[in-house]
C-alpha atoms as a PDB file:
ATOM      1  CA  MET A   1      12.070  -2.049 139.322  1.00  0.00           C
ATOM      2  CA  LEU A   2      13.159  -3.952 142.386  1.00  0.00           C
ATOM      3  CA  ALA A   3      15.950  -1.496 143.181  1.00  0.00           C
ATOM      4  CA  ALA A   4      13.735   1.556 142.734  1.00  0.00           C
ATOM      5  CA  ASN A   5      10.556   0.402 144.461  1.00  0.00           C
ATOM      6  CA  GLY A   6      11.612  -2.408 146.769  1.00  0.00           C
ATOM      7  CA  PRO A   7      10.312  -5.978 147.077  1.00  0.00           C
ATOM      8  CA  GLY A   8       6.693  -4.805 147.371  1.00  0.00           C
ATOM      9  CA  ALA A   9       6.751  -3.776 143.719  1.00  0.00           C
ATOM     10  CA  LEU A  10       7.642  -7.277 142.606  1.00  0.00           C
ATOM     11  CA  ARG A  11       4.866  -8.764 144.720  1.00  0.00           C
ATOM     12  CA  SER A  12       2.351  -6.340 143.221  1.00  0.00           C
ATOM     13  CA  VAL A  13       3.327  -7.306 139.676  1.00  0.00           C
ATOM     14  CA  VAL A  14       2.810 -11.022 140.267  1.00  0.00           C
ATOM     15  CA  SER A  15      -0.270 -10.547 142.436  1.00  0.00           C
ATOM     16  CA  PRO A  16      -3.376 -12.355 141.131  1.00  0.00           C
ATOM     17  CA  LEU A  17      -5.311  -9.108 141.609  1.00  0.00           C
ATOM     18  CA  ASN A  18      -3.337  -7.530 138.736  1.00  0.00           C
ATOM     19  CA  TRP A  19      -3.666 -10.425 136.296  1.00  0.00           C
ATOM     20  CA  GLY A  20      -5.401  -9.455 133.096  1.00  0.00           C
ATOM     21  CA  ARG A  21      -4.334  -5.812 133.316  1.00  0.00           C
ATOM     22  CA  VAL A  22      -1.613  -5.676 130.703  1.00  0.00           C
ATOM     23  CA  PRO A  23      -0.897  -2.222 129.294  1.00  0.00           C
ATOM     24  CA  SER A  24      -1.114  -2.174 125.523  1.00  0.00           C
ATOM     25  CA  PHE A  25       2.191  -0.287 125.238  1.00  0.00           C
ATOM     26  CA  ALA A  26       3.979  -3.102 127.095  1.00  0.00           C
ATOM     27  CA  VAL A  27       2.463  -5.671 124.736  1.00  0.00           C
ATOM     28  CA  PHE A  28       3.520  -3.583 121.736  1.00  0.00           C
ATOM     29  CA  CYS A  29       7.088  -3.306 123.080  1.00  0.00           C
ATOM     30  CA  ALA A  30       7.249  -7.041 123.737  1.00  0.00           C
ATOM     31  CA  LEU A  31       6.018  -7.866 120.233  1.00  0.00           C
ATOM     32  CA  MET A  32       8.439  -5.410 118.610  1.00  0.00           C
ATOM     33  CA  SER A  33      11.293  -6.818 120.679  1.00  0.00           C
ATOM     34  CA  GLY A  34      10.479 -10.349 119.559  1.00  0.00           C
ATOM     35  CA  PHE A  35      10.182  -9.272 115.936  1.00  0.00           C
ATOM     36  CA  CYS A  36      13.490  -7.388 115.997  1.00  0.00           C
ATOM     37  CA  ASN A  37      15.262 -10.254 117.749  1.00  0.00           C
ATOM     38  CA  THR A  38      14.007 -12.740 115.164  1.00  0.00           C
ATOM     39  CA  ALA A  39      14.961 -10.461 112.286  1.00  0.00           C
ATOM     40  CA  ALA A  40      18.455  -9.952 113.702  1.00  0.00           C
ATOM     41  CA  SER A  41      18.946 -13.694 114.129  1.00  0.00           C
ATOM     42  CA  VAL A  42      17.837 -14.368 110.563  1.00  0.00           C
ATOM     43  CA  CYS A  43      20.131 -11.631 109.204  1.00  0.00           C
ATOM     44  CA  THR A  44      23.095 -12.973 111.202  1.00  0.00           C
ATOM     45  CA  GLN A  45      22.505 -16.500 109.902  1.00  0.00           C
ATOM     46  CA  ARG A  46      22.147 -15.278 106.325  1.00  0.00           C
ATOM     47  CA  ALA A  47      25.400 -13.349 106.642  1.00  0.00           C
ATOM     48  CA  GLN A  48      27.176 -16.465 107.839  1.00  0.00           C
ATOM     49  CA  ILE A  49      25.670 -18.549 105.032  1.00  0.00           C
ATOM     50  CA  ARG A  50      26.936 -15.995 102.500  1.00  0.00           C
ATOM     51  CA  GLY A  51      30.462 -16.391 103.812  1.00  0.00           C
ATOM     52  CA  VAL A  52      30.843 -13.566 106.313  1.00  0.00           C
ATOM     53  CA  ASP A  53      33.150 -14.448 109.187  1.00  0.00           C
ATOM     54  CA  PRO A  54      31.017 -15.623 112.154  1.00  0.00           C
ATOM     55  CA  GLY A  55      32.970 -13.345 114.499  1.00  0.00           C
ATOM     56  CA  THR A  56      32.190 -10.326 112.354  1.00  0.00           C
ATOM     57  CA  ALA A  57      28.488 -11.119 112.044  1.00  0.00           C
ATOM     58  CA  THR A  58      28.155 -11.817 115.755  1.00  0.00           C
ATOM     59  CA  SER A  59      30.074  -8.734 116.884  1.00  0.00           C
ATOM     60  CA  ILE A  60      28.021  -6.434 114.679  1.00  0.00           C
ATOM     61  CA  SER A  61      24.726  -7.943 115.838  1.00  0.00           C
ATOM     62  CA  ALA A  62      25.895  -7.743 119.470  1.00  0.00           C
ATOM     63  CA  LEU A  63      25.877  -3.944 119.296  1.00  0.00           C
ATOM     64  CA  TYR A  64      22.090  -3.828 119.727  1.00  0.00           C
ATOM     65  CA  PRO A  65      22.257  -2.388 123.299  1.00  0.00           C
ATOM     66  CA  ALA A  66      24.028   0.687 121.932  1.00  0.00           C
ATOM     67  CA  LEU A  67      21.355   1.035 119.261  1.00  0.00           C
ATOM     68  CA  VAL A  68      18.596   0.691 121.858  1.00  0.00           C
ATOM     69  CA  MET A  69      20.249   3.390 123.958  1.00  0.00           C
ATOM     70  CA  CYS A  70      20.392   5.776 120.996  1.00  0.00           C
ATOM     71  CA  LEU A  71      16.764   5.055 120.075  1.00  0.00           C
ATOM     72  CA  SER A  72      15.581   5.590 123.642  1.00  0.00           C
ATOM     73  CA  VAL A  73      17.338   8.970 123.679  1.00  0.00           C
ATOM     74  CA  LEU A  74      15.645   9.906 120.402  1.00  0.00           C
ATOM     75  CA  VAL A  75      12.230   8.876 121.722  1.00  0.00           C
ATOM     76  CA  GLY A  76      12.806  10.743 124.967  1.00  0.00           C
ATOM     77  CA  PHE A  77      12.951   7.925 127.529  1.00  0.00           C
ATOM     78  CA  GLU A  78      16.632   8.419 128.358  1.00  0.00           C
ATOM     79  CA  ARG A  79      19.180  11.206 128.455  1.00  0.00           C
ATOM     80  CA  PHE A  80      22.832  11.076 127.594  1.00  0.00           C
ATOM     81  CA  SER A  81      25.327  11.313 130.419  1.00  0.00           C
ATOM     82  CA  PRO A  82      29.123  11.226 130.221  1.00  0.00           C
ATOM     83  CA  MET A  83      29.154   7.585 131.391  1.00  0.00           C
ATOM     84  CA  LYS A  84      26.576   6.545 128.796  1.00  0.00           C
ATOM     85  CA  ILE A  85      28.473   8.287 126.018  1.00  0.00           C
ATOM     86  CA  CYS A  86      31.674   6.584 127.173  1.00  0.00           C
ATOM     87  CA  GLY A  87      29.864   3.230 127.130  1.00  0.00           C
ATOM     88  CA  LEU A  88      28.590   3.834 123.607  1.00  0.00           C
ATOM     89  CA  VAL A  89      32.076   4.735 122.392  1.00  0.00           C
ATOM     90  CA  LEU A  90      33.565   1.636 124.032  1.00  0.00           C
ATOM     91  CA  ALA A  91      30.814  -0.577 122.590  1.00  0.00           C
ATOM     92  CA  ALA A  92      31.389   0.779 119.090  1.00  0.00           C
ATOM     93  CA  GLY A  93      35.148   0.354 119.527  1.00  0.00           C
ATOM     94  CA  SER A  94      34.792  -3.235 120.656  1.00  0.00           C
ATOM     95  CA  GLY A  95      32.507  -3.965 117.706  1.00  0.00           C
ATOM     96  CA  VAL A  96      35.108  -2.588 115.316  1.00  0.00           C
ATOM     97  CA  CYS A  97      37.926  -4.514 117.003  1.00  0.00           C
ATOM     98  CA  PHE A  98      36.064  -7.835 116.911  1.00  0.00           C
ATOM     99  CA  ALA A  99      34.829  -7.318 113.364  1.00  0.00           C
ATOM    100  CA  TRP A 100      38.255  -6.362 112.033  1.00  0.00           C
ATOM    101  CA  SER A 101      39.317  -8.926 109.450  1.00  0.00           C
ATOM    102  CA  LYS A 102      42.927  -9.923 109.085  1.00  0.00           C
END
């Protein structure tokens, strides 16, 4: 936001004149983000309790930015570009490399 609109945009967000005007979609996204983060943490801990290697559980759960990118493309907020596709491939490759058991 700061890069696109300049420092005035940040001042307008924190301005007391705009307090109390929270878009419902932003609240929904924040609540869903918190729910998904909590669920992922619980699943990672349960995997470790069941004996999964901590490196494997952590590397698989650390791939959430790639999942968010794919979901935002499906919803229509983003578009794929060659750099984004390359980043997704590298993220998936790093997840496989770190999760690889010996």
